[in-house]
Amino acid sequence: MNNKMLKGLVEAGAVKAVSIVANGSVVHAEIFTLSGDKKVITTQAGTIKTWGTIDSAAKWLKKLGLGTMKLEVGKWAPNQKGLLL
């Protein structure tokens, strides 16, 4: 789900929940729609949108109009070096 699709869902009130997931040193976000679907936020190119910090992900989601988020940090390792893929 890219930025344009997410904006449309937010404006339509179709977002039930948002999770910020920190895994290793990378952070991504998942959206849960009113119909129960779970979608990962992607870039326009179709790859998973990632952030380097939890606060940068939260700020980006807040700008879209999402104010309540669940934070999952069970696999978070903020000092882990990222892999070059």
PDB file of N, CA and C in Angstrom:
ATOM      1  N   MET A   1       0.842  -1.159   0.000  1.00  0.00           N
ATOM      2  CA  MET A   1       0.000   0.000   0.000  1.00  0.00           C
ATOM      3  C   MET A   1       0.901   1.240   0.000  1.00  0.00           C
ATOM      4  N   ASN A   2       0.837   2.015  -1.052  1.00  0.00           N
ATOM      5  CA  ASN A   2       1.691   3.194  -1.143  1.00  0.00           C
ATOM      6  C   ASN A   2       1.025   4.417  -0.501  1.00  0.00           C
ATOM      7  N   ASN A   3       1.759   5.512  -0.518  1.00  0.00           N
ATOM      8  CA  ASN A   3       1.354   6.758   0.136  1.00  0.00           C
ATOM      9  C   ASN A   3      -0.013   7.245  -0.348  1.00  0.00           C
ATOM     10  N   LYS A   4      -0.264   7.222  -1.653  1.00  0.00           N
ATOM     11  CA  LYS A   4      -1.538   7.708  -2.194  1.00  0.00           C
ATOM     12  C   LYS A   4      -2.713   6.851  -1.715  1.00  0.00           C
ATOM     13  N   MET A   5      -2.525   5.538  -1.736  1.00  0.00           N
ATOM     14  CA  MET A   5      -3.593   4.644  -1.289  1.00  0.00           C
ATOM     15  C   MET A   5      -3.858   4.837   0.196  1.00  0.00           C
ATOM     16  N   LEU A   6      -2.802   5.003   0.979  1.00  0.00           N
ATOM     17  CA  LEU A   6      -2.956   5.198   2.414  1.00  0.00           C
ATOM     18  C   LEU A   6      -3.690   6.497   2.716  1.00  0.00           C
ATOM     19  N   LYS A   7      -3.342   7.567   2.011  1.00  0.00           N
ATOM     20  CA  LYS A   7      -4.043   8.842   2.202  1.00  0.00           C
ATOM     21  C   LYS A   7      -5.534   8.689   1.932  1.00  0.00           C
ATOM     22  N   GLY A   8      -5.868   7.947   0.885  1.00  0.00           N
ATOM     23  CA  GLY A   8      -7.275   7.715   0.558  1.00  0.00           C
ATOM     24  C   GLY A   8      -8.000   6.964   1.660  1.00  0.00           C
ATOM     25  N   LEU A   9      -7.351   5.951   2.219  1.00  0.00           N
ATOM     26  CA  LEU A   9      -7.970   5.193   3.314  1.00  0.00           C
ATOM     27  C   LEU A   9      -8.148   6.053   4.560  1.00  0.00           C
ATOM     28  N   VAL A  10      -7.151   6.874   4.857  1.00  0.00           N
ATOM     29  CA  VAL A  10      -7.243   7.749   6.034  1.00  0.00           C
ATOM     30  C   VAL A  10      -8.388   8.740   5.855  1.00  0.00           C
ATOM     31  N   GLU A  11      -8.468   9.364   4.690  1.00  0.00           N
ATOM     32  CA  GLU A  11      -9.525  10.336   4.424  1.00  0.00           C
ATOM     33  C   GLU A  11     -10.912   9.696   4.467  1.00  0.00           C
ATOM     34  N   ALA A  12     -11.001   8.427   4.070  1.00  0.00           N
ATOM     35  CA  ALA A  12     -12.286   7.724   4.075  1.00  0.00           C
ATOM     36  C   ALA A  12     -12.625   7.142   5.449  1.00  0.00           C
ATOM     37  N   GLY A  13     -11.688   7.241   6.385  1.00  0.00           N
ATOM     38  CA  GLY A  13     -11.915   6.686   7.720  1.00  0.00           C
ATOM     39  C   GLY A  13     -11.877   5.169   7.740  1.00  0.00           C
ATOM     40  N   ALA A  14     -11.116   4.576   6.811  1.00  0.00           N
ATOM     41  CA  ALA A  14     -11.091   3.119   6.674  1.00  0.00           C
ATOM     42  C   ALA A  14      -9.898   2.448   7.355  1.00  0.00           C
ATOM     43  N   VAL A  15      -9.149   3.201   8.154  1.00  0.00           N
ATOM     44  CA  VAL A  15      -8.008   2.619   8.866  1.00  0.00           C
ATOM     45  C   VAL A  15      -8.447   2.276  10.283  1.00  0.00           C
ATOM     46  N   LYS A  16      -8.347   1.004  10.629  1.00  0.00           N
ATOM     47  CA  LYS A  16      -8.740   0.543  11.960  1.00  0.00           C
ATOM     48  C   LYS A  16      -7.591   0.687  12.954  1.00  0.00           C
ATOM     49  N   ALA A  17      -6.370   0.328  12.529  1.00  0.00           N
ATOM     50  CA  ALA A  17      -5.212   0.377  13.425  1.00  0.00           C
ATOM     51  C   ALA A  17      -3.937   0.517  12.611  1.00  0.00           C
ATOM     52  N   VAL A  18      -2.897   0.999  13.280  1.00  0.00           N
ATOM     53  CA  VAL A  18      -1.576   1.159  12.670  1.00  0.00           C
ATOM     54  C   VAL A  18      -0.546   0.598  13.630  1.00  0.00           C
ATOM     55  N   SER A  19       0.403  -0.151  13.091  1.00  0.00           N
ATOM     56  CA  SER A  19       1.503  -0.668  13.903  1.00  0.00           C
ATOM     57  C   SER A  19       2.825  -0.201  13.321  1.00  0.00           C
ATOM     58  N   ILE A  20       3.693   0.297  14.180  1.00  0.00           N
ATOM     59  CA  ILE A  20       5.072   0.576  13.806  1.00  0.00           C
ATOM     60  C   ILE A  20       5.868  -0.624  14.292  1.00  0.00           C
ATOM     61  N   VAL A  21       6.568  -1.286  13.378  1.00  0.00           N
ATOM     62  CA  VAL A  21       7.294  -2.512  13.694  1.00  0.00           C
ATOM     63  C   VAL A  21       8.790  -2.262  13.531  1.00  0.00           C
ATOM     64  N   ALA A  22       9.524  -2.420  14.633  1.00  0.00           N
ATOM     65  CA  ALA A  22      10.980  -2.272  14.600  1.00  0.00           C
ATOM     66  C   ALA A  22      11.586  -3.666  14.595  1.00  0.00           C
ATOM     67  N   ASN A  23      12.372  -3.960  13.568  1.00  0.00           N
ATOM     68  CA  ASN A  23      12.986  -5.272  13.420  1.00  0.00           C
ATOM     69  C   ASN A  23      14.446  -5.065  13.049  1.00  0.00           C
ATOM     70  N   GLY A  24      15.361  -5.474  13.933  1.00  0.00           N
ATOM     71  CA  GLY A  24      16.768  -5.168  13.717  1.00  0.00           C
ATOM     72  C   GLY A  24      16.951  -3.668  13.841  1.00  0.00           C
ATOM     73  N   SER A  25      17.589  -3.074  12.860  1.00  0.00           N
ATOM     74  CA  SER A  25      17.773  -1.622  12.890  1.00  0.00           C
ATOM     75  C   SER A  25      16.805  -0.898  11.967  1.00  0.00           C
ATOM     76  N   VAL A  26      15.862  -1.643  11.385  1.00  0.00           N
ATOM     77  CA  VAL A  26      14.935  -1.076  10.407  1.00  0.00           C
ATOM     78  C   VAL A  26      13.527  -1.016  10.991  1.00  0.00           C
ATOM     79  N   VAL A  27      12.807   0.037  10.624  1.00  0.00           N
ATOM     80  CA  VAL A  27      11.440   0.250  11.095  1.00  0.00           C
ATOM     81  C   VAL A  27      10.519   0.316   9.883  1.00  0.00           C
ATOM     82  N   HIS A  28       9.375  -0.378   9.959  1.00  0.00           N
ATOM     83  CA  HIS A  28       8.358  -0.252   8.915  1.00  0.00           C
ATOM     84  C   HIS A  28       6.996  -0.145   9.587  1.00  0.00           C
ATOM     85  N   ALA A  29       5.959   0.106   8.790  1.00  0.00           N
ATOM     86  CA  ALA A  29       4.616   0.280   9.355  1.00  0.00           C
ATOM     87  C   ALA A  29       3.632  -0.636   8.646  1.00  0.00           C
ATOM     88  N   GLU A  30       2.644  -1.086   9.426  1.00  0.00           N
ATOM     89  CA  GLU A  30       1.568  -1.917   8.904  1.00  0.00           C
ATOM     90  C   GLU A  30       0.234  -1.255   9.209  1.00  0.00           C
ATOM     91  N   ILE A  31      -0.688  -1.330   8.267  1.00  0.00           N
ATOM     92  CA  ILE A  31      -2.015  -0.746   8.392  1.00  0.00           C
ATOM     93  C   ILE A  31      -3.045  -1.872   8.444  1.00  0.00           C
ATOM     94  N   PHE A  32      -4.005  -1.743   9.335  1.00  0.00           N
ATOM     95  CA  PHE A  32      -5.104  -2.687   9.419  1.00  0.00           C
ATOM     96  C   PHE A  32      -6.368  -1.932   9.027  1.00  0.00           C
ATOM     97  N   THR A  33      -7.049  -2.405   7.996  1.00  0.00           N
ATOM     98  CA  THR A  33      -8.243  -1.721   7.497  1.00  0.00           C
ATOM     99  C   THR A  33      -9.475  -2.181   8.262  1.00  0.00           C
ATOM    100  N   LEU A  34     -10.568  -1.475   8.076  1.00  0.00           N
ATOM    101  CA  LEU A  34     -11.820  -1.839   8.733  1.00  0.00           C
ATOM    102  C   LEU A  34     -12.308  -3.215   8.305  1.00  0.00           C
ATOM    103  N   SER A  35     -11.938  -3.638   7.106  1.00  0.00           N
ATOM    104  CA  SER A  35     -12.350  -4.962   6.631  1.00  0.00           C
ATOM    105  C   SER A  35     -11.460  -6.072   7.184  1.00  0.00           C
ATOM    106  N   GLY A  36     -10.434  -5.711   7.970  1.00  0.00           N
ATOM    107  CA  GLY A  36      -9.570  -6.706   8.595  1.00  0.00           C
ATOM    108  C   GLY A  36      -8.303  -7.030   7.842  1.00  0.00           C
ATOM    109  N   ASP A  37      -8.088  -6.383   6.709  1.00  0.00           N
ATOM    110  CA  ASP A  37      -6.873  -6.633   5.935  1.00  0.00           C
ATOM    111  C   ASP A  37      -5.663  -5.972   6.584  1.00  0.00           C
ATOM    112  N   LYS A  38      -4.522  -6.664   6.532  1.00  0.00           N
ATOM    113  CA  LYS A  38      -3.259  -6.085   7.001  1.00  0.00           C
ATOM    114  C   LYS A  38      -2.424  -5.757   5.776  1.00  0.00           C
ATOM    115  N   LYS A  39      -1.977  -4.517   5.687  1.00  0.00           N
ATOM    116  CA  LYS A  39      -1.182  -4.059   4.557  1.00  0.00           C
ATOM    117  C   LYS A  39       0.104  -3.426   5.074  1.00  0.00           C
ATOM    118  N   VAL A  40       1.215  -3.712   4.417  1.00  0.00           N
ATOM    119  CA  VAL A  40       2.486  -3.078   4.731  1.00  0.00           C
ATOM    120  C   VAL A  40       2.607  -1.844   3.851  1.00  0.00           C
ATOM    121  N   ILE A  41       3.060  -0.741   4.419  1.00  0.00           N
ATOM    122  CA  ILE A  41       3.233   0.487   3.639  1.00  0.00           C
ATOM    123  C   ILE A  41       4.437   0.316   2.716  1.00  0.00           C
ATOM    124  N   THR A  42       4.238   0.676   1.458  1.00  0.00           N
ATOM    125  CA  THR A  42       5.287   0.531   0.455  1.00  0.00           C
ATOM    126  C   THR A  42       5.613   1.881  -0.185  1.00  0.00           C
ATOM    127  N   THR A  43       6.704   1.893  -0.909  1.00  0.00           N
ATOM    128  CA  THR A  43       7.086   3.070  -1.695  1.00  0.00           C
ATOM    129  C   THR A  43       6.320   3.034  -3.009  1.00  0.00           C
ATOM    130  N   GLN A  44       6.448   4.070  -3.800  1.00  0.00           N
ATOM    131  CA  GLN A  44       5.801   4.095  -5.117  1.00  0.00           C
ATOM    132  C   GLN A  44       6.354   2.980  -6.003  1.00  0.00           C
ATOM    133  N   ALA A  45       7.613   2.590  -5.763  1.00  0.00           N
ATOM    134  CA  ALA A  45       8.239   1.525  -6.562  1.00  0.00           C
ATOM    135  C   ALA A  45       7.785   0.136  -6.122  1.00  0.00           C
ATOM    136  N   GLY A  46       7.071   0.042  -4.994  1.00  0.00           N
ATOM    137  CA  GLY A  46       6.554  -1.236  -4.544  1.00  0.00           C
ATOM    138  C   GLY A  46       7.378  -1.938  -3.477  1.00  0.00           C
ATOM    139  N   THR A  47       8.482  -1.338  -3.044  1.00  0.00           N
ATOM    140  CA  THR A  47       9.283  -1.932  -1.983  1.00  0.00           C
ATOM    141  C   THR A  47       8.758  -1.462  -0.629  1.00  0.00           C
ATOM    142  N   ILE A  48       9.043  -2.215   0.419  1.00  0.00           N
ATOM    143  CA  ILE A  48       8.579  -1.845   1.753  1.00  0.00           C
ATOM    144  C   ILE A  48       9.225  -0.529   2.167  1.00  0.00           C
ATOM    145  N   LYS A  49       8.394   0.417   2.609  1.00  0.00           N
ATOM    146  CA  LYS A  49       8.898   1.708   3.078  1.00  0.00           C
ATOM    147  C   LYS A  49       9.496   1.518   4.461  1.00  0.00           C
ATOM    148  N   THR A  50      10.732   1.942   4.634  1.00  0.00           N
ATOM    149  CA  THR A  50      11.408   1.787   5.914  1.00  0.00           C
ATOM    150  C   THR A  50      11.944   3.124   6.405  1.00  0.00           C
ATOM    151  N   TRP A  51      12.135   3.172   7.709  1.00  0.00           N
ATOM    152  CA  TRP A  51      12.716   4.338   8.366  1.00  0.00           C
ATOM    153  C   TRP A  51      13.866   3.874   9.236  1.00  0.00           C
ATOM    154  N   GLY A  52      14.762   4.783   9.583  1.00  0.00           N
ATOM    155  CA  GLY A  52      15.899   4.458  10.436  1.00  0.00           C
ATOM    156  C   GLY A  52      15.597   4.581  11.910  1.00  0.00           C
ATOM    157  N   THR A  53      14.523   5.317  12.255  1.00  0.00           N
ATOM    158  CA  THR A  53      14.174   5.494  13.662  1.00  0.00           C
ATOM    159  C   THR A  53      12.658   5.399  13.835  1.00  0.00           C
ATOM    160  N   ILE A  54      12.271   5.049  15.046  1.00  0.00           N
ATOM    161  CA  ILE A  54      10.850   4.936  15.366  1.00  0.00           C
ATOM    162  C   ILE A  54      10.169   6.293  15.262  1.00  0.00           C
ATOM    163  N   ASP A  55      10.835   7.342  15.739  1.00  0.00           N
ATOM    164  CA  ASP A  55      10.197   8.662  15.713  1.00  0.00           C
ATOM    165  C   ASP A  55       9.992   9.173  14.295  1.00  0.00           C
ATOM    166  N   SER A  56      10.890   8.848  13.375  1.00  0.00           N
ATOM    167  CA  SER A  56      10.694   9.301  11.993  1.00  0.00           C
ATOM    168  C   SER A  56       9.484   8.607  11.363  1.00  0.00           C
ATOM    169  N   ALA A  57       9.280   7.330  11.676  1.00  0.00           N
ATOM    170  CA  ALA A  57       8.093   6.630  11.182  1.00  0.00           C
ATOM    171  C   ALA A  57       6.828   7.239  11.777  1.00  0.00           C
ATOM    172  N   ALA A  58       6.847   7.513  13.083  1.00  0.00           N
ATOM    173  CA  ALA A  58       5.681   8.092  13.755  1.00  0.00           C
ATOM    174  C   ALA A  58       5.357   9.480  13.200  1.00  0.00           C
ATOM    175  N   LYS A  59       6.366  10.293  12.955  1.00  0.00           N
ATOM    176  CA  LYS A  59       6.142  11.633  12.391  1.00  0.00           C
ATOM    177  C   LYS A  59       5.518  11.549  11.004  1.00  0.00           C
ATOM    178  N   TRP A  60       6.003  10.619  10.183  1.00  0.00           N
ATOM    179  CA  TRP A  60       5.478  10.453   8.829  1.00  0.00           C
ATOM    180  C   TRP A  60       4.012  10.052   8.880  1.00  0.00           C
ATOM    181  N   LEU A  61       3.680   9.102   9.751  1.00  0.00           N
ATOM    182  CA  LEU A  61       2.288   8.652   9.877  1.00  0.00           C
ATOM    183  C   LEU A  61       1.397   9.749  10.445  1.00  0.00           C
ATOM    184  N   LYS A  62       1.909  10.527  11.383  1.00  0.00           N
ATOM    185  CA  LYS A  62       1.131  11.633  11.972  1.00  0.00           C
ATOM    186  C   LYS A  62       0.785  12.671  10.909  1.00  0.00           C
ATOM    187  N   LYS A  63       1.730  12.953  10.002  1.00  0.00           N
ATOM    188  CA  LYS A  63       1.463  13.916   8.922  1.00  0.00           C
ATOM    189  C   LYS A  63       0.315  13.460   8.030  1.00  0.00           C
ATOM    190  N   LEU A  64       0.108  12.141   7.946  1.00  0.00           N
ATOM    191  CA  LEU A  64      -0.998  11.615   7.149  1.00  0.00           C
ATOM    192  C   LEU A  64      -2.329  11.672   7.883  1.00  0.00           C
ATOM    193  N   GLY A  65      -2.279  12.013   9.176  1.00  0.00           N
ATOM    194  CA  GLY A  65      -3.505  12.126   9.944  1.00  0.00           C
ATOM    195  C   GLY A  65      -3.756  10.966  10.893  1.00  0.00           C
ATOM    196  N   LEU A  66      -2.760  10.121  11.071  1.00  0.00           N
ATOM    197  CA  LEU A  66      -2.891   8.985  11.987  1.00  0.00           C
ATOM    198  C   LEU A  66      -2.251   9.362  13.316  1.00  0.00           C
ATOM    199  N   GLY A  67      -3.031   9.333  14.399  1.00  0.00           N
ATOM    200  CA  GLY A  67      -2.526   9.792  15.680  1.00  0.00           C
ATOM    201  C   GLY A  67      -2.315   8.705  16.715  1.00  0.00           C
ATOM    202  N   THR A  68      -2.871   7.521  16.498  1.00  0.00           N
ATOM    203  CA  THR A  68      -2.730   6.429  17.453  1.00  0.00           C
ATOM    204  C   THR A  68      -2.078   5.252  16.753  1.00  0.00           C
ATOM    205  N   MET A  69      -0.986   4.756  17.337  1.00  0.00           N
ATOM    206  CA  MET A  69      -0.246   3.665  16.731  1.00  0.00           C
ATOM    207  C   MET A  69       0.211   2.675  17.791  1.00  0.00           C
ATOM    208  N   LYS A  70       0.307   1.422  17.402  1.00  0.00           N
ATOM    209  CA  LYS A  70       0.866   0.380  18.252  1.00  0.00           C
ATOM    210  C   LYS A  70       2.350   0.268  17.904  1.00  0.00           C
ATOM    211  N   LEU A  71       3.178   0.057  18.908  1.00  0.00           N
ATOM    212  CA  LEU A  71       4.625  -0.034  18.698  1.00  0.00           C
ATOM    213  C   LEU A  71       5.098  -1.436  19.049  1.00  0.00           C
ATOM    214  N   GLU A  72       5.724  -2.111  18.096  1.00  0.00           N
ATOM    215  CA  GLU A  72       6.251  -3.460  18.301  1.00  0.00           C
ATOM    216  C   GLU A  72       7.777  -3.405  18.253  1.00  0.00           C
ATOM    217  N   VAL A  73       8.420  -3.661  19.400  1.00  0.00           N
ATOM    218  CA  VAL A  73       9.882  -3.548  19.479  1.00  0.00           C
ATOM    219  C   VAL A  73      10.558  -4.836  19.957  1.00  0.00           C
ATOM    220  N   GLY A  74       9.862  -5.966  19.909  1.00  0.00           N
ATOM    221  CA  GLY A  74      10.403  -7.231  20.382  1.00  0.00           C
ATOM    222  C   GLY A  74      11.672  -7.662  19.659  1.00  0.00           C
ATOM    223  N   LYS A  75      11.800  -7.335  18.391  1.00  0.00           N
ATOM    224  CA  LYS A  75      12.977  -7.719  17.597  1.00  0.00           C
ATOM    225  C   LYS A  75      13.855  -6.521  17.257  1.00  0.00           C
ATOM    226  N   TRP A  76      13.685  -5.443  17.990  1.00  0.00           N
ATOM    227  CA  TRP A  76      14.414  -4.209  17.712  1.00  0.00           C
ATOM    228  C   TRP A  76      15.831  -4.294  18.247  1.00  0.00           C
ATOM    229  N   ALA A  77      16.784  -3.912  17.437  1.00  0.00           N
ATOM    230  CA  ALA A  77      18.193  -3.830  17.826  1.00  0.00           C
ATOM    231  C   ALA A  77      18.744  -2.533  17.246  1.00  0.00           C
ATOM    232  N   PRO A  78      18.523  -1.409  17.938  1.00  0.00           N
ATOM    233  CA  PRO A  78      18.858  -0.105  17.354  1.00  0.00           C
ATOM    234  C   PRO A  78      20.335   0.073  17.009  1.00  0.00           C
ATOM    235  N   ASN A  79      21.218  -0.666  17.641  1.00  0.00           N
ATOM    236  CA  ASN A  79      22.652  -0.528  17.356  1.00  0.00           C
ATOM    237  C   ASN A  79      23.141  -1.514  16.293  1.00  0.00           C
ATOM    238  N   GLN A  80      22.234  -2.334  15.776  1.00  0.00           N
ATOM    239  CA  GLN A  80      22.622  -3.295  14.751  1.00  0.00           C
ATOM    240  C   GLN A  80      22.937  -2.547  13.465  1.00  0.00           C
ATOM    241  N   LYS A  81      23.984  -2.961  12.809  1.00  0.00           N
ATOM    242  CA  LYS A  81      24.327  -2.357  11.527  1.00  0.00           C
ATOM    243  C   LYS A  81      23.447  -2.974  10.443  1.00  0.00           C
ATOM    244  N   GLY A  82      22.996  -2.156   9.533  1.00  0.00           N
ATOM    245  CA  GLY A  82      22.152  -2.645   8.449  1.00  0.00           C
ATOM    246  C   GLY A  82      22.953  -3.399   7.418  1.00  0.00           C
ATOM    247  N   LEU A  83      22.279  -4.252   6.661  1.00  0.00           N
ATOM    248  CA  LEU A  83      22.906  -5.006   5.592  1.00  0.00           C
ATOM    249  C   LEU A  83      22.731  -4.260   4.274  1.00  0.00           C
ATOM    250  N   LEU A  84      23.764  -4.229   3.473  1.00  0.00           N
ATOM    251  CA  LEU A  84      23.660  -3.648   2.149  1.00  0.00           C
ATOM    252  C   LEU A  84      23.165  -4.729   1.208  1.00  0.00           C
ATOM    253  N   LEU A  85      21.957  -4.556   0.701  1.00  0.00           N
ATOM    254  CA  LEU A  85      21.378  -5.559  -0.200  1.00  0.00           C
ATOM    255  C   LEU A  85      21.288  -5.032  -1.598  1.00  0.00           C
TER     256      LEU A  85
END
